[in-house]
């Protein structure tokens, strides 16, 4: 299933603003609501559909990250990727997103279909817990952030992660959801 417009509008849970209704937006809204109401995340700490730009062979490309949580100082501390399909098959892509995210690497990442979830330690790439109930509370996320050094990727490591993410995102190119899922390259690049 690919993200496509449903032709309507709905009210964004985080901002209160009208946004386009898509096949994934209901799930994105449910994830945001769960993080705020069940896990104690402040609404203003969460941003939805955040662009992640990366480069492969000198070409700029990118994708959107469904939700990103930022600590009060502005550093990203949790990244969430919604996936339509087996959650486990999205783990490596999600880790690459967290490693490449601006201001990162982001210490924790989650791949979820809103029913299942893989909670991922970005540094090791390991799945440290599974299930939506295992999603950490805001205080736990902040504690993990405080305990995790942010080591910038070496240029070689960054290039490897960009190639991995590019390979996963290659499945999006030329599909019906190209406009929603993928950030097209800038013209002239």
C-alpha atoms as a PDB file:
ATOM      1  CA  UNK A   1       0.000   0.000   0.000  1.00  0.00           C
ATOM      2  CA  UNK A   2       1.310   3.426  -0.895  1.00  0.00           C
ATOM      3  CA  UNK A   3       0.386   6.796   0.584  1.00  0.00           C
ATOM      4  CA  UNK A   4      -2.099   8.540  -1.661  1.00  0.00           C
ATOM      5  CA  UNK A   5      -4.503  11.406  -1.213  1.00  0.00           C
ATOM      6  CA  UNK A   6      -8.057  10.571  -0.224  1.00  0.00           C
ATOM      7  CA  UNK A   7      -9.202  13.979  -1.427  1.00  0.00           C
ATOM      8  CA  UNK A   8     -10.292  15.282   1.952  1.00  0.00           C
ATOM      9  CA  UNK A   9      -8.936  17.278   4.838  1.00  0.00           C
ATOM     10  CA  UNK A  10      -8.608  16.509   8.532  1.00  0.00           C
ATOM     11  CA  UNK A  11      -7.380  18.356  11.592  1.00  0.00           C
ATOM     12  CA  UNK A  12      -3.791  17.625  12.563  1.00  0.00           C
ATOM     13  CA  UNK A  13      -3.611  16.389  16.157  1.00  0.00           C
ATOM     14  CA  UNK A  14      -0.294  18.140  16.824  1.00  0.00           C
ATOM     15  CA  UNK A  15      -0.860  21.536  15.227  1.00  0.00           C
ATOM     16  CA  UNK A  16      -4.649  21.834  15.102  1.00  0.00           C
ATOM     17  CA  UNK A  17      -4.285  22.909  11.461  1.00  0.00           C
ATOM     18  CA  UNK A  18      -6.116  21.344   8.505  1.00  0.00           C
ATOM     19  CA  UNK A  19      -4.006  18.835   6.573  1.00  0.00           C
ATOM     20  CA  UNK A  20      -4.591  16.600   3.593  1.00  0.00           C
ATOM     21  CA  UNK A  21      -6.192  13.257   4.334  1.00  0.00           C
ATOM     22  CA  UNK A  22      -4.105  10.404   2.938  1.00  0.00           C
ATOM     23  CA  UNK A  23      -4.098   6.648   3.256  1.00  0.00           C
ATOM     24  CA  UNK A  24      -1.401   6.937   5.974  1.00  0.00           C
ATOM     25  CA  UNK A  25      -2.461  10.132   7.749  1.00  0.00           C
ATOM     26  CA  UNK A  26      -4.969   8.407  10.030  1.00  0.00           C
ATOM     27  CA  UNK A  27      -2.159   6.147  11.272  1.00  0.00           C
ATOM     28  CA  UNK A  28       0.290   9.054  11.673  1.00  0.00           C
ATOM     29  CA  UNK A  29      -2.346  10.878  13.726  1.00  0.00           C
ATOM     30  CA  UNK A  30      -2.929   7.791  15.890  1.00  0.00           C
ATOM     31  CA  UNK A  31       0.817   7.480  16.522  1.00  0.00           C
ATOM     32  CA  UNK A  32       1.089  11.128  17.555  1.00  0.00           C
ATOM     33  CA  UNK A  33      -1.943  10.815  19.836  1.00  0.00           C
ATOM     34  CA  UNK A  34      -0.497   7.630  21.416  1.00  0.00           C
ATOM     35  CA  UNK A  35       2.854   9.304  22.099  1.00  0.00           C
ATOM     36  CA  UNK A  36       1.208  12.339  23.702  1.00  0.00           C
ATOM     37  CA  UNK A  37      -1.689  10.774  25.596  1.00  0.00           C
ATOM     38  CA  UNK A  38      -0.219   7.404  26.561  1.00  0.00           C
ATOM     39  CA  UNK A  39       3.533   8.041  26.679  1.00  0.00           C
ATOM     40  CA  UNK A  40       3.686  11.592  28.006  1.00  0.00           C
ATOM     41  CA  UNK A  41       5.358  13.306  25.039  1.00  0.00           C
ATOM     42  CA  UNK A  42       4.697  17.056  24.914  1.00  0.00           C
ATOM     43  CA  UNK A  43       2.803  17.951  21.733  1.00  0.00           C
ATOM     44  CA  UNK A  44       5.299  20.691  20.959  1.00  0.00           C
ATOM     45  CA  UNK A  45       8.176  18.174  21.086  1.00  0.00           C
ATOM     46  CA  UNK A  46       6.765  16.261  18.092  1.00  0.00           C
ATOM     47  CA  UNK A  47       7.004  17.173  14.419  1.00  0.00           C
ATOM     48  CA  UNK A  48       5.290  15.214  11.644  1.00  0.00           C
ATOM     49  CA  UNK A  49       6.417  14.471   8.089  1.00  0.00           C
ATOM     50  CA  UNK A  50       9.910  15.864   8.576  1.00  0.00           C
ATOM     51  CA  UNK A  51      12.074  15.812   5.430  1.00  0.00           C
ATOM     52  CA  UNK A  52      15.294  13.789   5.481  1.00  0.00           C
ATOM     53  CA  UNK A  53      17.597  14.782   2.618  1.00  0.00           C
ATOM     54  CA  UNK A  54      20.581  12.646   1.644  1.00  0.00           C
ATOM     55  CA  UNK A  55      22.940  12.256  -1.314  1.00  0.00           C
ATOM     56  CA  UNK A  56      23.910   9.281  -3.442  1.00  0.00           C
ATOM     57  CA  UNK A  57      26.423   9.594  -6.279  1.00  0.00           C
ATOM     58  CA  UNK A  58      26.236  13.371  -6.014  1.00  0.00           C
ATOM     59  CA  UNK A  59      22.449  13.484  -6.420  1.00  0.00           C
ATOM     60  CA  UNK A  60      20.182  14.844  -3.713  1.00  0.00           C
ATOM     61  CA  UNK A  61      17.187  12.777  -2.771  1.00  0.00           C
ATOM     62  CA  UNK A  62      15.172  12.193   0.348  1.00  0.00           C
ATOM     63  CA  UNK A  63      12.111  10.924   2.120  1.00  0.00           C
ATOM     64  CA  UNK A  64       9.794  12.020   4.894  1.00  0.00           C
ATOM     65  CA  UNK A  65      10.090  10.760   8.451  1.00  0.00           C
ATOM     66  CA  UNK A  66       6.634  10.287   9.952  1.00  0.00           C
ATOM     67  CA  UNK A  67       7.334  11.650  13.445  1.00  0.00           C
ATOM     68  CA  UNK A  68      10.377  13.098  15.167  1.00  0.00           C
ATOM     69  CA  UNK A  69      10.566  13.977  18.870  1.00  0.00           C
ATOM     70  CA  UNK A  70      12.915  16.773  19.934  1.00  0.00           C
ATOM     71  CA  UNK A  71      14.240  17.385  23.449  1.00  0.00           C
ATOM     72  CA  UNK A  72      13.848  20.907  24.901  1.00  0.00           C
ATOM     73  CA  UNK A  73      17.279  21.945  23.577  1.00  0.00           C
ATOM     74  CA  UNK A  74      16.251  21.025  20.022  1.00  0.00           C
ATOM     75  CA  UNK A  75      18.147  17.765  19.494  1.00  0.00           C
ATOM     76  CA  UNK A  76      16.164  14.924  17.896  1.00  0.00           C
ATOM     77  CA  UNK A  77      15.748  12.086  20.398  1.00  0.00           C
ATOM     78  CA  UNK A  78      13.249   9.702  18.764  1.00  0.00           C
ATOM     79  CA  UNK A  79      12.319   8.997  15.173  1.00  0.00           C
ATOM     80  CA  UNK A  80       9.213   7.054  14.078  1.00  0.00           C
ATOM     81  CA  UNK A  81       8.660   5.469  10.678  1.00  0.00           C
ATOM     82  CA  UNK A  82       5.176   4.201   9.874  1.00  0.00           C
ATOM     83  CA  UNK A  83       5.306   1.087   7.726  1.00  0.00           C
ATOM     84  CA  UNK A  84       2.586  -0.736   5.852  1.00  0.00           C
ATOM     85  CA  UNK A  85       3.863  -4.275   5.975  1.00  0.00           C
ATOM     86  CA  UNK A  86       5.949  -6.496   8.217  1.00  0.00           C
ATOM     87  CA  UNK A  87       7.493  -4.195  10.830  1.00  0.00           C
ATOM     88  CA  UNK A  88      10.705  -6.235  10.980  1.00  0.00           C
ATOM     89  CA  UNK A  89      11.380  -5.671   7.302  1.00  0.00           C
ATOM     90  CA  UNK A  90      11.542  -1.893   7.946  1.00  0.00           C
ATOM     91  CA  UNK A  91      14.059  -2.035  10.811  1.00  0.00           C
ATOM     92  CA  UNK A  92      17.248  -1.451   8.793  1.00  0.00           C
ATOM     93  CA  UNK A  93      15.700   1.400   6.799  1.00  0.00           C
ATOM     94  CA  UNK A  94      14.531   3.034  10.036  1.00  0.00           C
ATOM     95  CA  UNK A  95      18.000   2.738  11.590  1.00  0.00           C
ATOM     96  CA  UNK A  96      19.534   4.384   8.506  1.00  0.00           C
ATOM     97  CA  UNK A  97      17.035   7.246   8.768  1.00  0.00           C
ATOM     98  CA  UNK A  98      17.965   7.739  12.437  1.00  0.00           C
ATOM     99  CA  UNK A  99      21.686   7.663  11.686  1.00  0.00           C
ATOM    100  CA  UNK A 100      21.391  10.172   8.841  1.00  0.00           C
ATOM    101  CA  UNK A 101      18.864  12.521  10.423  1.00  0.00           C
ATOM    102  CA  UNK A 102      20.061  16.134  10.846  1.00  0.00           C
ATOM    103  CA  UNK A 103      21.261  16.744  14.405  1.00  0.00           C
ATOM    104  CA  UNK A 104      21.617  12.988  14.888  1.00  0.00           C
ATOM    105  CA  UNK A 105      22.288  10.236  15.049  1.00  0.00           C
ATOM    106  CA  UNK A 106      18.935  10.009  16.808  1.00  0.00           C
ATOM    107  CA  UNK A 107      19.383   7.602  19.773  1.00  0.00           C
ATOM    108  CA  UNK A 108      16.095   5.693  19.407  1.00  0.00           C
ATOM    109  CA  UNK A 109      14.037   4.802  16.355  1.00  0.00           C
ATOM    110  CA  UNK A 110      10.738   3.014  15.948  1.00  0.00           C
ATOM    111  CA  UNK A 111       9.345   1.139  12.974  1.00  0.00           C
ATOM    112  CA  UNK A 112       5.626   0.584  13.464  1.00  0.00           C
ATOM    113  CA  UNK A 113       2.390  -0.213  11.689  1.00  0.00           C
ATOM    114  CA  UNK A 114       0.496   1.033  14.828  1.00  0.00           C
ATOM    115  CA  UNK A 115      -0.216  -2.575  15.836  1.00  0.00           C
ATOM    116  CA  UNK A 116       3.324  -3.931  16.055  1.00  0.00           C
ATOM    117  CA  UNK A 117       6.513  -1.990  16.709  1.00  0.00           C
ATOM    118  CA  UNK A 118      10.254  -2.508  16.721  1.00  0.00           C
ATOM    119  CA  UNK A 119      12.111  -0.212  19.116  1.00  0.00           C
ATOM    120  CA  UNK A 120      15.622   0.197  17.768  1.00  0.00           C
ATOM    121  CA  UNK A 121      18.882   1.315  19.333  1.00  0.00           C
ATOM    122  CA  UNK A 122      20.395   3.428  16.570  1.00  0.00           C
ATOM    123  CA  UNK A 123      24.027   3.020  17.636  1.00  0.00           C
ATOM    124  CA  UNK A 124      23.966  -0.782  17.536  1.00  0.00           C
ATOM    125  CA  UNK A 125      21.094  -1.222  15.090  1.00  0.00           C
ATOM    126  CA  UNK A 126      19.594  -3.766  17.488  1.00  0.00           C
ATOM    127  CA  UNK A 127      15.914  -4.204  18.157  1.00  0.00           C
ATOM    128  CA  UNK A 128      15.730  -3.696  21.931  1.00  0.00           C
ATOM    129  CA  UNK A 129      11.986  -4.267  22.351  1.00  0.00           C
ATOM    130  CA  UNK A 130       8.892  -5.106  20.330  1.00  0.00           C
ATOM    131  CA  UNK A 131       5.260  -4.133  20.515  1.00  0.00           C
ATOM    132  CA  UNK A 132       3.444  -0.829  20.782  1.00  0.00           C
ATOM    133  CA  UNK A 133       3.311  -1.186  24.573  1.00  0.00           C
ATOM    134  CA  UNK A 134       7.123  -1.282  24.603  1.00  0.00           C
ATOM    135  CA  UNK A 135       7.394   2.205  23.086  1.00  0.00           C
ATOM    136  CA  UNK A 136       9.245   4.172  25.756  1.00  0.00           C
ATOM    137  CA  UNK A 137       7.676   7.015  27.708  1.00  0.00           C
ATOM    138  CA  UNK A 138       8.972  10.564  27.213  1.00  0.00           C
ATOM    139  CA  UNK A 139      11.067  10.396  30.422  1.00  0.00           C
ATOM    140  CA  UNK A 140      12.723   7.182  29.201  1.00  0.00           C
ATOM    141  CA  UNK A 141      13.509   8.741  25.828  1.00  0.00           C
ATOM    142  CA  UNK A 142      15.119  11.741  27.515  1.00  0.00           C
ATOM    143  CA  UNK A 143      17.149   9.450  29.786  1.00  0.00           C
ATOM    144  CA  UNK A 144      18.370   7.444  26.772  1.00  0.00           C
ATOM    145  CA  UNK A 145      19.313  10.717  25.051  1.00  0.00           C
ATOM    146  CA  UNK A 146      21.284  11.849  28.124  1.00  0.00           C
ATOM    147  CA  UNK A 147      23.143   8.520  28.250  1.00  0.00           C
ATOM    148  CA  UNK A 148      23.951   8.310  24.524  1.00  0.00           C
ATOM    149  CA  UNK A 149      26.930  10.162  23.072  1.00  0.00           C
ATOM    150  CA  UNK A 150      26.255  11.703  19.653  1.00  0.00           C
ATOM    151  CA  UNK A 151      29.120  10.671  17.454  1.00  0.00           C
ATOM    152  CA  UNK A 152      28.941  12.138  13.981  1.00  0.00           C
ATOM    153  CA  UNK A 153      29.186   9.626  11.167  1.00  0.00           C
ATOM    154  CA  UNK A 154      32.483   9.459   9.331  1.00  0.00           C
ATOM    155  CA  UNK A 155      32.181  10.361   5.650  1.00  0.00           C
ATOM    156  CA  UNK A 156      32.605   6.673   4.738  1.00  0.00           C
ATOM    157  CA  UNK A 157      29.951   5.527   7.208  1.00  0.00           C
ATOM    158  CA  UNK A 158      27.593   8.279   6.049  1.00  0.00           C
ATOM    159  CA  UNK A 159      28.035   7.209   2.413  1.00  0.00           C
ATOM    160  CA  UNK A 160      27.234   3.586   3.356  1.00  0.00           C
ATOM    161  CA  UNK A 161      24.099   4.604   5.264  1.00  0.00           C
ATOM    162  CA  UNK A 162      22.983   6.824   2.374  1.00  0.00           C
ATOM    163  CA  UNK A 163      23.367   3.906  -0.058  1.00  0.00           C
ATOM    164  CA  UNK A 164      21.393   1.620   2.252  1.00  0.00           C
ATOM    165  CA  UNK A 165      18.598   4.164   2.605  1.00  0.00           C
ATOM    166  CA  UNK A 166      18.651   4.836  -1.136  1.00  0.00           C
ATOM    167  CA  UNK A 167      18.237   1.104  -1.819  1.00  0.00           C
ATOM    168  CA  UNK A 168      15.212   0.871   0.480  1.00  0.00           C
ATOM    169  CA  UNK A 169      13.707   4.051  -0.921  1.00  0.00           C
ATOM    170  CA  UNK A 170      14.255   2.802  -4.463  1.00  0.00           C
ATOM    171  CA  UNK A 171      11.050   0.847  -3.990  1.00  0.00           C
ATOM    172  CA  UNK A 172       9.197   4.171  -3.803  1.00  0.00           C
ATOM    173  CA  UNK A 173      10.488   5.578  -7.072  1.00  0.00           C
ATOM    174  CA  UNK A 174       7.989   5.570  -9.889  1.00  0.00           C
ATOM    175  CA  UNK A 175       5.133   4.294  -7.733  1.00  0.00           C
ATOM    176  CA  UNK A 176       1.785   5.884  -7.055  1.00  0.00           C
ATOM    177  CA  UNK A 177       3.010   7.529  -3.865  1.00  0.00           C
ATOM    178  CA  UNK A 178       6.084   9.220  -5.239  1.00  0.00           C
ATOM    179  CA  UNK A 179       4.771  12.668  -4.324  1.00  0.00           C
ATOM    180  CA  UNK A 180       3.962  11.752  -0.706  1.00  0.00           C
ATOM    181  CA  UNK A 181       6.743   9.390   0.310  1.00  0.00           C
ATOM    182  CA  UNK A 182       9.767  10.607  -1.542  1.00  0.00           C
ATOM    183  CA  UNK A 183      11.339  14.032  -1.717  1.00  0.00           C
ATOM    184  CA  UNK A 184      12.287  14.619  -5.360  1.00  0.00           C
ATOM    185  CA  UNK A 185      15.726  15.992  -6.204  1.00  0.00           C
ATOM    186  CA  UNK A 186      16.067  19.735  -6.616  1.00  0.00           C
ATOM    187  CA  UNK A 187      15.972  20.821 -10.222  1.00  0.00           C
ATOM    188  CA  UNK A 188      19.451  21.328 -11.613  1.00  0.00           C
ATOM    189  CA  UNK A 189      21.028  18.721  -9.327  1.00  0.00           C
END
